[in-house]
Protein backbone atom coordinates (compact mmCIF):
# COMPACT_ATOMS: atom_id res chain seq x y z
CA MET A 1 -34.96 138.07 267.18
CA THR A 2 -36.82 135.82 264.93
CA VAL A 3 -35.22 132.40 263.54
CA THR A 4 -35.47 133.21 260.05
CA GLU A 5 -32.95 136.78 260.99
CA GLN A 6 -30.85 134.67 263.15
CA LEU A 7 -30.36 132.34 259.92
CA SER A 8 -30.14 135.21 258.44
CA ALA A 9 -27.39 136.61 260.36
CA LEU A 10 -25.40 133.03 260.46
CA ASP A 11 -25.70 133.01 256.39
CA GLN A 12 -23.93 136.96 256.36
CA ILE A 13 -21.40 136.08 258.80
CA LEU A 14 -20.48 132.46 257.06
CA ALA A 15 -20.40 133.84 253.31
CA HIS A 16 -18.17 136.81 254.45
CA GLY A 17 -16.12 134.70 256.71
CA ASP A 18 -16.43 138.36 259.11
CA LEU A 19 -15.83 136.67 262.92
CA HIS A 20 -13.20 138.19 264.99
CA SER A 21 -10.77 135.83 266.47
CA LEU A 22 -9.58 137.11 270.75
CA PHE A 23 -6.51 135.10 272.89
CA GLN A 24 -6.32 134.65 275.99
CA PRO A 25 -2.88 132.93 277.18
CA ILE A 26 -2.55 130.28 279.45
CA ILE A 27 0.01 130.93 281.77
CA ALA A 28 2.74 127.78 283.02
CA LEU A 29 3.41 129.02 286.84
CA ALA A 30 6.70 127.11 287.60
CA ASP A 31 8.55 128.90 284.84
CA ARG A 32 6.88 131.77 284.53
CA ARG A 33 5.69 131.41 280.56
CA ILE A 34 3.02 131.82 278.65
CA LEU A 35 2.11 128.08 277.35
CA GLY A 36 0.21 129.04 274.79
CA TYR A 37 -3.11 130.89 273.87
CA GLU A 38 -6.71 129.77 273.63
CA ALA A 39 -8.65 131.02 270.66
CA LEU A 40 -12.57 132.68 270.95
CA THR A 41 -14.75 133.52 268.46
CA ARG A 42 -17.01 136.64 268.53
CA GLY A 43 -19.18 137.83 265.76
CA PRO A 44 -19.52 141.13 264.14
CA SER A 45 -19.69 143.35 266.66
CA ASN A 46 -22.76 145.47 265.20
CA SER A 47 -24.45 141.91 264.71
CA PRO A 48 -27.18 139.86 267.16
CA LEU A 49 -24.88 137.55 266.39
CA HIS A 50 -21.54 138.31 268.10
CA SER A 51 -22.04 136.92 271.22
CA PRO A 52 -20.38 133.28 271.21
CA ILE A 53 -23.38 131.93 272.74
CA ALA A 54 -25.73 132.98 270.02
CA LEU A 55 -23.65 132.72 267.65
CA PHE A 56 -22.73 128.86 267.88
CA SER A 57 -26.41 127.86 269.78
CA VAL A 58 -27.72 129.20 266.32
CA ALA A 59 -25.10 126.94 264.09
CA ARG A 60 -25.66 124.23 266.39
CA ASN A 61 -29.90 124.21 265.67
CA CYS A 62 -29.27 124.59 262.05
CA GLY A 63 -26.57 122.02 261.62
CA ARG A 64 -24.16 124.45 260.70
CA LEU A 65 -22.12 123.90 263.38
CA SER A 66 -19.40 122.32 261.73
CA GLU A 67 -19.02 124.94 259.28
CA LEU A 68 -19.14 127.59 261.79
CA GLU A 69 -16.34 126.23 263.65
CA LEU A 70 -14.40 125.62 260.78
CA ALA A 71 -14.95 129.21 259.67
CA SER A 72 -13.48 129.84 262.96
CA ARG A 73 -10.59 127.96 263.62
CA ARG A 74 -9.11 129.80 259.55
CA SER A 75 -9.84 132.97 261.61
CA ALA A 76 -7.53 132.13 264.64
CA CYS A 77 -5.11 130.58 262.53
CA ARG A 78 -4.66 133.61 260.32
CA ARG A 79 -4.89 136.20 263.02
CA PHE A 80 -2.25 133.74 265.16
CA ARG A 81 -0.10 133.53 262.55
CA ASP A 82 -0.46 137.18 261.80
CA LEU A 83 0.59 138.46 265.58
CA GLN A 84 3.67 135.80 265.58
CA LEU A 85 2.81 134.70 268.51
CA ASP A 86 4.72 131.69 270.64
CA GLY A 87 3.74 129.18 272.04
CA LYS A 88 0.79 126.49 271.76
CA LEU A 89 -2.68 127.41 270.07
CA PHE A 90 -5.67 125.76 271.47
CA LEU A 91 -8.69 125.64 269.07
CA ASN A 92 -12.00 124.18 270.51
CA VAL A 93 -13.70 121.80 268.86
CA SER A 94 -17.50 120.61 269.72
CA PRO A 95 -17.22 116.69 269.85
CA GLU A 96 -20.91 116.82 268.16
CA SER A 97 -19.42 118.96 265.09
CA LEU A 98 -16.88 115.98 264.30
CA LEU A 99 -19.85 113.54 264.32
CA GLU A 100 -22.14 115.53 261.77
CA PRO A 101 -22.73 113.92 258.26
CA THR A 102 -21.04 117.18 256.53
CA HIS A 103 -17.50 116.87 258.69
CA GLN A 104 -14.66 116.39 256.51
CA PRO A 105 -11.55 114.81 258.00
CA GLY A 106 -8.41 116.85 257.25
CA ARG A 107 -9.23 120.06 256.80
CA THR A 108 -7.64 121.66 260.08
CA LEU A 109 -4.13 120.41 258.83
CA LYS A 110 -4.82 121.98 255.84
CA LEU A 111 -5.29 125.20 257.24
CA LEU A 112 -2.52 124.78 259.29
CA GLN A 113 -0.21 123.77 256.33
CA GLU A 114 -1.77 127.25 254.79
CA PHE A 115 -0.69 129.48 257.44
CA GLY A 116 2.80 127.97 258.29
CA ILE A 117 1.49 126.26 261.69
CA THR A 118 3.14 123.27 262.70
CA PRO A 119 0.87 120.66 264.28
CA ASP A 120 2.73 120.24 266.93
CA ARG A 121 1.94 123.46 268.21
CA VAL A 122 -1.88 123.07 268.08
CA VAL A 123 -4.02 121.52 270.59
CA ILE A 124 -7.46 120.81 269.90
CA GLU A 125 -9.72 121.41 272.71
CA LEU A 126 -12.76 119.43 273.33
CA THR A 127 -15.81 121.19 274.41
CA GLU A 128 -18.63 119.81 275.51
CA GLN A 129 -22.26 120.96 275.16
CA ALA A 130 -24.48 117.84 274.40
CA PRO A 131 -24.30 114.58 275.14
CA ILE A 132 -21.84 112.28 273.00
CA ASP A 133 -23.10 108.63 272.89
CA ASP A 134 -21.01 107.54 269.89
CA PHE A 135 -18.01 107.03 271.73
CA SER A 136 -16.60 104.72 269.13
CA LEU A 137 -16.71 107.29 266.49
CA LEU A 138 -15.76 110.15 268.58
CA ASP A 139 -12.78 107.59 269.86
CA THR A 140 -11.83 107.39 266.14
CA ALA A 141 -11.39 111.09 264.95
CA LEU A 142 -9.86 111.56 268.27
CA HIS A 143 -6.68 109.11 267.35
CA HIS A 144 -7.15 110.72 263.85
CA TYR A 145 -6.59 113.78 265.33
CA ARG A 146 -3.38 112.57 267.20
CA ALA A 147 -1.83 110.68 264.42
CA MET A 148 -1.81 113.78 262.18
CA GLY A 149 0.45 115.59 265.54
CA PHE A 150 -2.45 117.58 267.16
CA SER A 151 -2.30 117.08 271.35
CA ILE A 152 -5.86 116.96 273.19
CA ALA A 153 -7.47 118.90 275.62
CA LEU A 154 -10.64 118.17 277.91
CA ASP A 155 -12.51 121.29 278.81
CA ASP A 156 -14.81 122.06 281.19
CA LEU A 157 -13.63 118.96 283.32
CA GLY A 158 -16.73 118.06 286.14
CA ALA A 159 -19.21 120.13 283.97
CA GLY A 160 -19.68 118.27 281.04
CA TYR A 161 -22.31 115.45 280.57
CA SER A 162 -19.87 112.97 280.27
CA SER A 163 -16.42 114.75 280.63
CA LEU A 164 -15.32 111.62 283.11
CA ARG A 165 -15.85 109.14 280.76
CA LEU A 166 -14.16 110.94 277.69
CA TRP A 167 -10.76 111.51 280.02
CA SER A 168 -10.95 107.91 280.87
CA GLU A 169 -11.20 106.65 276.33
CA LEU A 170 -9.37 109.44 275.11
CA ARG A 171 -6.30 110.22 277.72
CA PRO A 172 -6.30 113.99 276.91
CA ASP A 173 -2.73 115.58 276.93
CA TYR A 174 -4.59 118.40 278.99
CA VAL A 175 -7.26 118.94 281.14
CA LYS A 176 -9.32 121.81 281.79
CA ILE A 177 -11.27 122.23 284.86
CA ASP A 178 -14.24 123.73 285.23
CA ARG A 179 -14.36 127.07 286.60
CA HIS A 180 -17.27 126.50 289.17
CA PHE A 181 -14.64 124.16 291.38
CA ILE A 182 -11.86 127.50 290.72
CA ASP A 183 -14.78 130.23 291.95
CA GLY A 184 -14.24 130.87 295.67
CA ILE A 185 -11.71 127.64 296.44
CA HIS A 186 -9.81 129.36 298.76
CA LYS A 187 -13.21 129.71 301.18
CA ASP A 188 -14.26 125.99 299.70
CA ALA A 189 -12.54 122.63 301.18
CA VAL A 190 -14.79 120.60 299.24
CA LYS A 191 -13.51 122.24 295.86
CA ARG A 192 -10.27 121.93 297.38
CA GLU A 193 -10.92 118.05 297.30
CA PHE A 194 -12.27 118.02 293.81
CA VAL A 195 -8.74 119.70 292.68
CA GLY A 196 -6.88 117.54 294.70
CA SER A 197 -8.35 114.73 293.22
CA ILE A 198 -8.39 115.63 289.88
CA LEU A 199 -4.20 116.59 290.18
CA LYS A 200 -3.76 112.61 291.03
CA MET A 201 -6.21 111.43 288.15
CA ALA A 202 -3.72 113.77 285.78
CA LYS A 203 -0.83 112.16 287.45
CA ALA A 204 -1.83 108.62 287.09
CA SER A 205 -2.92 109.55 283.18
CA ARG A 206 0.29 111.23 282.05
CA ALA A 207 -2.14 114.61 281.71
CA GLN A 208 -1.65 118.10 282.76
CA VAL A 209 -3.97 120.07 284.51
CA ILE A 210 -5.51 123.70 283.48
CA ALA A 211 -6.94 125.30 286.20
CA GLU A 212 -9.87 128.53 284.30
CA GLY A 213 -11.65 131.04 285.33
CA ILE A 214 -9.11 132.51 287.59
CA GLU A 215 -10.26 135.77 288.93
CA LEU A 216 -9.14 136.72 292.40
CA ALA A 217 -5.33 136.65 293.89
CA GLU A 218 -6.42 134.51 296.64
CA GLU A 219 -7.83 131.41 294.12
CA LEU A 220 -3.91 131.68 292.64
CA ALA A 221 -2.38 131.49 295.77
CA VAL A 222 -4.37 128.33 296.85
CA LEU A 223 -3.66 126.33 293.56
CA SER A 224 -0.20 127.45 293.45
CA GLU A 225 0.26 125.85 296.79
CA MET A 226 -1.66 122.53 295.38
CA GLY A 227 0.69 122.51 292.45
CA VAL A 228 -1.50 123.91 289.50
CA ASP A 229 0.94 124.93 287.13
CA LEU A 230 -0.86 125.68 283.94
CA LEU A 231 -3.79 128.84 284.73
CA GLN A 232 -6.13 130.62 282.91
CA GLY A 233 -8.46 133.77 283.67
CA TYR A 234 -9.23 137.18 283.89
CA LEU A 235 -7.15 137.68 287.01
CA LEU A 236 -3.84 136.54 284.53
CA GLY A 237 -5.21 138.00 281.52
CA ARG A 238 -8.62 138.64 279.28
CA PRO A 239 -9.19 137.33 275.70
CA GLN A 240 -8.27 140.10 273.40
CA GLU A 241 -6.96 140.89 269.82
CA GLN A 242 -3.40 141.65 270.95
CA PRO A 243 -2.60 139.41 273.70
CA PRO A 244 0.03 139.69 276.32
CA ARG A 245 3.51 138.05 275.55
CA ASP A 246 5.42 138.22 279.27
CA ALA A 247 3.99 136.14 281.53
CA ARG A 248 5.64 137.61 284.54
CA LYS A 249 4.23 140.69 283.96
CA LEU A 250 0.99 139.11 284.52
CA LEU A 251 2.21 137.24 287.77
CA PRO A 252 2.79 140.70 289.95
CA GLN A 253 0.51 138.86 292.80
CA LEU A 254 2.80 135.85 293.84
CA ASP A 255 5.60 137.82 293.82
CA SER A 256 3.55 139.43 297.10
CA SER A 257 1.87 136.72 298.44
CA THR A 258 1.84 135.73 301.83
CA THR A 259 3.91 133.13 303.10
CA SER A 260 2.32 130.14 304.60
CA LEU A 261 1.33 129.61 308.43
CA HIS A 262 1.85 126.22 308.00
CA GLU A 263 5.26 125.76 307.49
CA GLU A 264 8.60 126.64 307.34
CA ASN A 265 9.76 127.76 303.86
CA THR A 266 13.13 126.55 303.05
CA ASP A 267 15.16 128.41 300.95
CA LEU A 268 15.87 127.36 297.18
CA GLY A 269 19.32 128.95 297.50
CA ALA A 270 20.56 125.50 299.35
CA LEU A 271 19.26 123.36 296.30
CA LEU A 272 21.14 125.88 293.54
CA ASN A 273 23.94 124.15 291.15
CA GLU A 274 25.11 127.12 289.09
CA GLN A 275 25.76 124.74 286.51
CA GLN A 276 26.72 126.34 283.24
CA ALA A 277 24.12 126.49 280.74
CA VAL A 278 24.86 126.22 276.77
CA SER A 279 23.61 128.59 274.07
CA HIS A 280 20.53 127.09 271.65
CA SER A 281 22.90 127.40 269.12
CA THR A 282 25.72 125.53 270.23
CA ALA A 283 27.24 122.40 268.44
CA THR A 284 25.90 119.11 269.59
CA ALA A 285 29.66 118.14 269.87
CA GLU A 286 30.09 120.53 271.66
CA VAL A 287 28.17 119.63 274.38
CA LEU A 288 28.68 115.83 273.91
CA GLU A 289 32.05 116.83 274.55
CA ALA A 290 30.45 118.49 277.72
CA PHE A 291 28.85 115.17 278.95
CA ARG A 292 31.85 113.06 278.06
CA ALA A 293 34.60 115.74 280.16
CA GLN A 294 32.24 115.60 283.71
CA ALA A 295 30.93 111.92 284.50
CA ASN A 296 28.62 113.66 287.23
CA LEU A 297 27.33 115.92 284.64
CA ASN A 298 23.77 114.73 284.37
CA SER A 299 21.70 117.71 282.06
CA LEU A 300 22.52 121.09 281.05
CA ALA A 301 20.28 124.05 280.37
CA VAL A 302 19.54 125.13 277.03
CA LEU A 303 19.23 129.57 276.68
CA ASP A 304 18.32 132.14 274.45
CA GLU A 305 19.73 135.38 273.70
CA GLN A 306 18.08 136.78 276.52
CA GLN A 307 19.80 134.18 278.68
CA GLN A 308 16.38 132.71 279.78
CA PRO A 309 15.90 129.03 279.46
CA VAL A 310 14.13 127.35 276.22
CA GLY A 311 15.27 123.36 276.87
CA ILE A 312 17.40 121.01 278.58
CA ILE A 313 19.37 118.47 277.38
CA HIS A 314 19.41 115.23 279.68
CA ARG A 315 22.54 112.72 279.50
CA HIS A 316 20.38 109.62 278.80
CA SER A 317 18.19 111.39 276.20
CA LEU A 318 20.84 112.65 274.39
CA SER A 319 23.13 109.42 274.61
CA GLU A 320 19.63 107.21 273.07
CA ALA A 321 19.12 110.22 271.06
CA LEU A 322 22.82 109.01 269.10
CA LEU A 323 23.05 106.16 269.33
CA LYS A 324 20.77 105.47 266.16
CA PRO A 325 22.97 104.84 263.04
CA PHE A 326 24.78 107.44 261.63
CA ALA A 327 23.35 109.81 264.59
CA THR A 328 26.54 111.69 265.59
CA ASP A 329 27.93 112.69 262.02
CA LEU A 330 24.61 113.70 261.15
CA PHE A 331 23.96 115.77 264.21
CA ALA A 332 27.41 116.67 265.35
CA ARG A 333 27.43 119.89 263.64
CA LYS A 334 23.72 120.73 264.17
CA PRO A 335 22.82 123.48 266.91
CA ILE A 336 22.17 121.53 270.48
CA SER A 337 18.41 123.32 269.72
CA ARG A 338 17.28 120.27 267.21
CA LEU A 339 17.63 117.38 270.23
CA MET A 340 16.59 119.88 272.97
CA SER A 341 13.77 119.05 275.15
CA THR A 342 11.21 121.34 275.34
CA ASP A 343 8.79 119.54 277.96
CA PHE A 344 11.32 120.79 281.30
CA LEU A 345 10.44 122.47 284.57
CA ALA A 346 11.63 125.65 285.12
CA VAL A 347 10.83 127.26 289.21
CA ASP A 348 11.72 130.50 290.23
CA LEU A 349 14.00 130.91 293.35
CA GLY A 350 11.66 132.11 295.35
CA GLN A 351 9.33 129.38 295.36
CA SER A 352 9.00 127.21 298.22
CA LEU A 353 10.12 123.83 298.51
CA GLN A 354 6.54 122.48 298.94
CA GLN A 355 5.59 124.63 295.82
CA VAL A 356 8.31 123.31 293.99
CA SER A 357 7.59 119.28 295.39
CA ARG A 358 4.34 119.69 294.46
CA LEU A 359 5.05 120.50 290.54
CA LEU A 360 7.51 117.74 290.43
CA THR A 361 5.68 115.01 291.51
CA SER A 362 2.51 116.39 289.67
CA ARG A 363 4.53 115.83 286.39
CA ALA A 364 4.34 112.91 285.17
CA ARG A 365 7.13 112.98 282.67
CA GLN A 366 9.72 114.05 285.53
CA ARG A 367 12.26 111.14 285.97
CA ILE A 368 13.61 111.13 289.66
CA GLU A 369 17.43 111.15 288.11
CA GLU A 370 16.55 114.13 286.37
CA ASP A 371 17.66 117.88 287.30
CA PHE A 372 15.11 121.04 287.03
CA ILE A 373 16.06 124.22 285.84
CA ILE A 374 16.09 127.52 288.55
CA THR A 375 15.68 131.10 287.50
CA GLN A 376 15.32 134.15 288.92
CA GLN A 377 13.20 136.72 287.50
CA GLY A 378 13.01 134.66 284.27
CA ARG A 379 16.82 134.49 284.04
CA TYR A 380 18.84 131.11 284.47
CA ARG A 381 20.61 130.58 287.86
CA GLY A 382 21.16 127.01 288.06
CA LEU A 383 20.07 123.25 287.80
CA GLY A 384 18.73 121.69 290.94
CA ARG A 385 18.48 117.96 291.35
CA VAL A 386 14.42 116.04 291.98
CA ILE A 387 16.05 113.32 294.31
CA ASP A 388 16.97 116.34 296.68
CA VAL A 389 13.95 118.11 296.86
CA LEU A 390 11.87 114.70 297.48
CA LYS A 391 14.50 113.85 300.11
CA LEU A 392 14.18 117.52 302.04
CA ILE A 393 10.34 117.47 301.66
CA THR A 394 10.52 113.94 303.49
CA GLU A 395 12.62 115.56 306.13
CA VAL A 396 9.80 118.17 306.64
CA LYS A 397 6.68 115.57 306.66
CA ILE A 398 8.83 113.15 309.15
CA GLN A 399 9.03 116.24 311.39
CA GLN A 400 5.64 117.20 310.76
CA ALA A 401 4.15 114.09 311.20
CA ARG A 402 6.80 113.84 314.88
CA TYR A 403 4.38 116.50 316.30
CA ALA A 404 0.96 115.66 315.09
CA ASN A 405 -1.69 114.72 316.88
CA PRO A 406 -2.18 111.23 316.52
CA LEU A 407 -6.45 111.20 316.38
CA THR A 408 -6.82 114.46 314.00
CA LEU A 409 -3.27 114.34 312.18
CA LEU A 410 -3.18 118.20 312.86
CA PRO A 411 -0.21 120.00 314.30
CA GLY A 412 0.29 119.77 317.38
CA ASN A 413 1.80 122.32 319.77
CA VAL A 414 5.29 122.80 318.43
CA PRO A 415 3.76 123.56 315.07
CA ILE A 416 1.32 125.92 316.78
CA GLN A 417 3.86 127.56 318.73
CA GLN A 418 6.14 127.91 315.28
CA CYS A 419 3.22 129.42 313.15
CA LEU A 420 2.28 132.07 316.24
CA SER A 421 5.87 132.87 316.02
CA ARG A 422 6.05 133.64 311.98
CA LEU A 423 2.79 135.48 312.34
CA LEU A 424 4.45 137.94 314.16
CA GLN A 425 7.88 137.75 312.46
CA GLN A 426 6.01 138.56 309.64
CA GLY A 427 3.88 141.43 311.26
CA ARG A 428 0.59 140.50 309.82
CA ASP A 429 -3.18 141.06 311.28
CA ALA A 430 -4.73 138.04 311.96
CA ALA A 431 -7.43 136.35 314.17
CA VAL A 432 -5.99 134.44 316.46
CA CYS A 433 -8.72 132.03 317.95
CA TYR A 434 -8.81 128.88 320.96
CA VAL A 435 -11.44 127.10 320.03
CA ASP A 436 -12.69 125.06 323.31
CA ILE A 437 -16.08 122.36 323.38
CA ASP A 438 -18.39 122.87 326.08
CA SER A 439 -19.97 119.90 327.91
CA PHE A 440 -17.28 117.76 326.36
CA LYS A 441 -15.99 115.61 329.67
CA PRO A 442 -19.54 115.03 330.67
CA PHE A 443 -20.22 113.62 327.13
CA ASN A 444 -16.93 111.21 327.24
CA ASP A 445 -18.52 110.18 330.36
CA ILE A 446 -21.89 108.98 329.09
CA TYR A 447 -21.30 107.68 325.55
CA GLY A 448 -17.65 107.10 325.93
CA TYR A 449 -14.38 107.59 324.60
CA ALA A 450 -14.93 106.34 321.23
CA LYS A 451 -17.80 108.88 320.36
CA GLY A 452 -15.82 111.40 321.92
CA ASP A 453 -13.14 111.02 319.36
CA GLU A 454 -15.61 111.08 316.57
CA VAL A 455 -16.84 114.50 317.82
CA LEU A 456 -13.13 115.51 318.07
CA LEU A 457 -12.72 114.06 314.64
CA CYS A 458 -16.08 116.06 313.54
CA LEU A 459 -14.77 119.68 315.06
CA ALA A 460 -11.08 119.10 313.00
CA GLN A 461 -13.35 118.81 309.65
CA CYS A 462 -15.22 121.88 310.49
CA LEU A 463 -12.30 123.88 311.19
CA ASN A 464 -10.60 122.94 308.00
CA GLU A 465 -13.74 123.61 305.70
CA ARG A 466 -13.65 127.34 307.23
CA VAL A 467 -10.21 128.02 306.59
CA ASP A 468 -8.27 129.28 303.33
CA PRO A 469 -5.19 127.48 302.88
CA SER A 470 -2.55 130.04 301.97
CA CYS A 471 -3.12 131.95 304.65
CA ASP A 472 -4.96 130.49 307.69
CA PHE A 473 -3.81 128.13 309.99
CA VAL A 474 -5.60 124.87 311.70
CA GLY A 475 -3.75 123.48 314.81
CA HIS A 476 -4.61 120.57 317.92
CA ILE A 477 -3.63 121.87 321.32
CA GLY A 478 -4.94 118.92 322.70
CA GLY A 479 -7.99 117.34 324.14
CA ASP A 480 -11.02 119.23 323.08
CA ASP A 481 -8.86 122.60 322.57
CA PHE A 482 -8.14 123.72 319.21
CA MET A 483 -6.37 126.49 317.58
CA LEU A 484 -7.24 128.90 314.88
CA VAL A 485 -5.27 131.65 313.01
CA LEU A 486 -7.35 133.51 310.42
CA GLY A 487 -5.82 135.97 308.49
CA SER A 488 -8.81 136.50 305.78
CA ALA A 489 -10.65 139.97 306.36
CA ASP A 490 -13.67 137.68 306.63
CA TRP A 491 -12.74 135.89 309.94
CA ARG A 492 -15.82 137.00 311.95
CA LYS A 493 -18.30 135.40 309.10
CA ARG A 494 -16.07 132.25 309.18
CA ILE A 495 -16.38 131.67 312.67
CA GLN A 496 -20.10 132.15 312.58
CA LEU A 497 -20.48 129.60 310.03
CA LEU A 498 -18.24 127.15 311.81
CA LEU A 499 -20.58 127.33 315.05
CA GLU A 500 -23.60 126.71 312.73
CA ASP A 501 -21.54 123.89 311.06
CA PHE A 502 -20.46 122.01 314.27
CA GLN A 503 -23.94 122.78 315.95
CA GLY A 504 -25.42 120.87 312.79
CA GLN A 505 -22.87 118.26 312.60
CA CYS A 506 -23.41 117.31 316.43
CA ARG A 507 -26.84 116.55 316.04
CA ARG A 508 -25.88 112.64 315.01
CA PHE A 509 -24.36 112.09 317.82
CA TYR A 510 -26.96 112.38 320.79
CA ARG A 511 -29.26 109.68 321.83
CA ASP A 512 -32.75 110.84 320.76
CA GLU A 513 -33.81 111.61 324.60
CA HIS A 514 -31.13 113.84 324.95
CA LEU A 515 -31.99 115.91 321.75
CA GLN A 516 -35.79 116.05 322.53
CA ALA A 517 -34.53 117.12 325.93
CA GLY A 518 -31.52 119.55 324.85
CA CYS A 519 -29.07 118.55 327.76
CA PHE A 520 -28.03 115.49 329.66
CA VAL A 521 -27.53 114.44 333.16
CA ALA A 522 -24.06 113.28 333.99
CA HIS A 523 -21.78 113.23 337.16
CA ASN A 524 -19.63 117.01 337.72
CA ARG A 525 -16.27 116.72 338.67
CA GLN A 526 -17.44 117.00 342.04
CA GLY A 527 -18.79 113.79 341.69
CA GLN A 528 -22.03 114.86 342.05
CA ARG A 529 -25.23 114.64 339.06
CA GLU A 530 -25.61 117.48 336.92
CA GLU A 531 -27.61 118.61 333.98
CA PHE A 532 -25.27 119.49 331.46
CA PRO A 533 -26.63 121.53 327.55
CA LEU A 534 -25.36 119.59 324.89
CA LEU A 535 -21.91 120.26 322.93
CA SER A 536 -21.32 123.91 322.09
CA LEU A 537 -18.36 125.89 321.56
CA SER A 538 -16.44 128.47 322.80
CA VAL A 539 -14.35 130.63 321.01
CA GLY A 540 -11.86 133.03 322.33
CA VAL A 541 -10.31 135.41 320.06
CA VAL A 542 -7.34 137.38 320.12
CA GLN A 543 -7.53 140.58 317.09
CA LEU A 544 -3.89 140.93 316.32
CA GLN A 545 -2.72 144.12 314.27
CA SER A 546 0.16 144.31 312.37
CA ALA A 547 1.33 147.72 314.86
CA ALA A 548 1.45 145.09 317.83
CA CYS A 549 3.53 142.08 316.90
CA ALA A 550 7.12 143.43 317.60
CA LYS A 551 5.53 143.59 321.21
CA LEU A 552 4.94 140.15 321.59
CA ASP A 553 5.76 136.44 321.43
CA ALA A 554 4.28 133.17 320.47
CA GLY A 555 3.81 132.48 324.03
CA GLN A 556 2.27 136.15 324.80
CA LEU A 557 -0.38 135.53 322.26
CA ALA A 558 -0.99 132.27 323.25
CA SER A 559 -1.88 133.24 326.62
CA LEU A 560 -4.35 136.00 325.13
CA ALA A 561 -6.09 133.81 323.17
CA SER A 562 -6.38 131.27 326.12
CA GLU A 563 -7.72 134.30 328.23
CA ALA A 564 -10.37 135.21 325.40
CA LYS A 565 -11.69 131.41 325.64
CA ARG A 566 -12.09 131.56 329.22
CA HIS A 567 -14.10 134.81 329.14
CA ALA A 568 -16.43 133.12 325.95
CA LYS A 569 -16.63 129.58 328.16
CA ALA A 570 -18.59 132.34 330.63
CA VAL A 571 -21.06 132.83 328.67
CA PRO A 572 -23.45 129.31 328.38
CA GLY A 573 -23.87 127.85 324.60
CA TYR A 574 -22.14 128.99 321.69
CA SER A 575 -20.11 131.78 322.57
CA MET A 576 -17.27 134.15 320.72
CA HIS A 577 -15.16 136.47 322.93
CA VAL A 578 -12.75 138.86 320.57
CA LEU A 579 -9.94 140.45 322.73
CA ASP A 580 -8.13 143.41 320.84
CA CYS A 581 -4.36 142.77 321.75
CA LEU A 582 -3.63 146.54 321.62
CA SER A 583 -6.04 147.31 324.58
CA ALA A 584 -5.19 144.13 325.88
């Protein structure tokens, strides 16, 4: 297609407003609701510019990006209104279009007024495709959007030319992690570290994190375990002209997700306070009287006609609102929905204490004295106290630290036994691996215990990089003995990669002469000098099948793994020996 034909096609599209708007849901995981929808633009189906990549590329190259984006926003707002979608509308804006000479501020606000959409329901999503040098002008433009009541989202964090600087200087309300860091996160420890760092920075900057590009249930499970609350991707819903409206139907994967092997899941029922809620139409005076009558009442959930939470009223915020002159008389007969907060956390009764704790600590606006809402299948069940969750999770962490290996900080023997017991109780297929370092004692004798500790830390890191935290487990039995439980179907590949990783990492620990010789000489257990090969791993694997779980206990399973390790150590160098638990 020639440049002339591309420009002609773009002219036709802009002249006739021939654009199609699709909507992809963004889901709030904790309370199983749709936060809002990202509007995505497509050209006419019979046009060579149907693809958004081609469409926006042509407009950018000919200086008509701002014009195209305005037309896209008009189409999105009209469709959003016609569909009567709930939640927020995320509108993509290229920063470079804001800086174009033809850009006219205020047109987006006029569009919203035309279609009856209030600015507080709109998120301006910055999509960075080219370097932006004029930060001061961009900062002015974004403050202009904020002054009109819009929220700001930064798209594709980690992929843009200057996205971290944009985050630092513009302080967006939302940050969307680039899909590269979500793809295969259950298999990649580096990606998990990146997302974990983003969560910490988001908490410091009071931003909410959206993970986009989720396509696998395993990715969803890891993100949920890490405390990422806002989710987007093909797994949950593709961009559609008629998008889904019920988030609970989009999250079946979580209901059947595997329970973590790392920690006991505390029942949230122990935290449940079955406090009566109020309707969104309840008069403010009636709610105020309820607080006056119950001195220890901190919060009240606000429900709609379907008994689903739509807001929360905190004692302190209600008091502050009614302290203003004439406020009590003004609001007394008005429904409490006028004063309720819609920025609340709702968690499902089936979620683990650890998941809830991560969600609470990742919320910059959650006060420790406030309550959160507990639901079951979307319906209100009661309230929970933030302070109770933090107390319980602290107790769990103290208990875990008590039994952790002091060097690697990995779970020690007691948590390992608990892990094996949970594995058998859940009746899961898994590969239970006993990992041992060959030639470790003579290595310590020659290089010293400090260098030996470095080797152990190296192996611990290699093990952690080969696990999926949603279904795997790593423990340190003691010395150079480790336990690895892999619930993934590709466990053989993971072990092979572990062996290769450790072999490559170990090269830095040897002296040149030992590395060149491929061995070193040290005293054996009988006190005689002996030639030992360089460090290697022996891995004994018990291939556990669900049919055998009821026939074993944790001690027997550990003994089988130890037996498999002995077989592996009988083979020189890197080796793996597999026992089938049904035939063992």
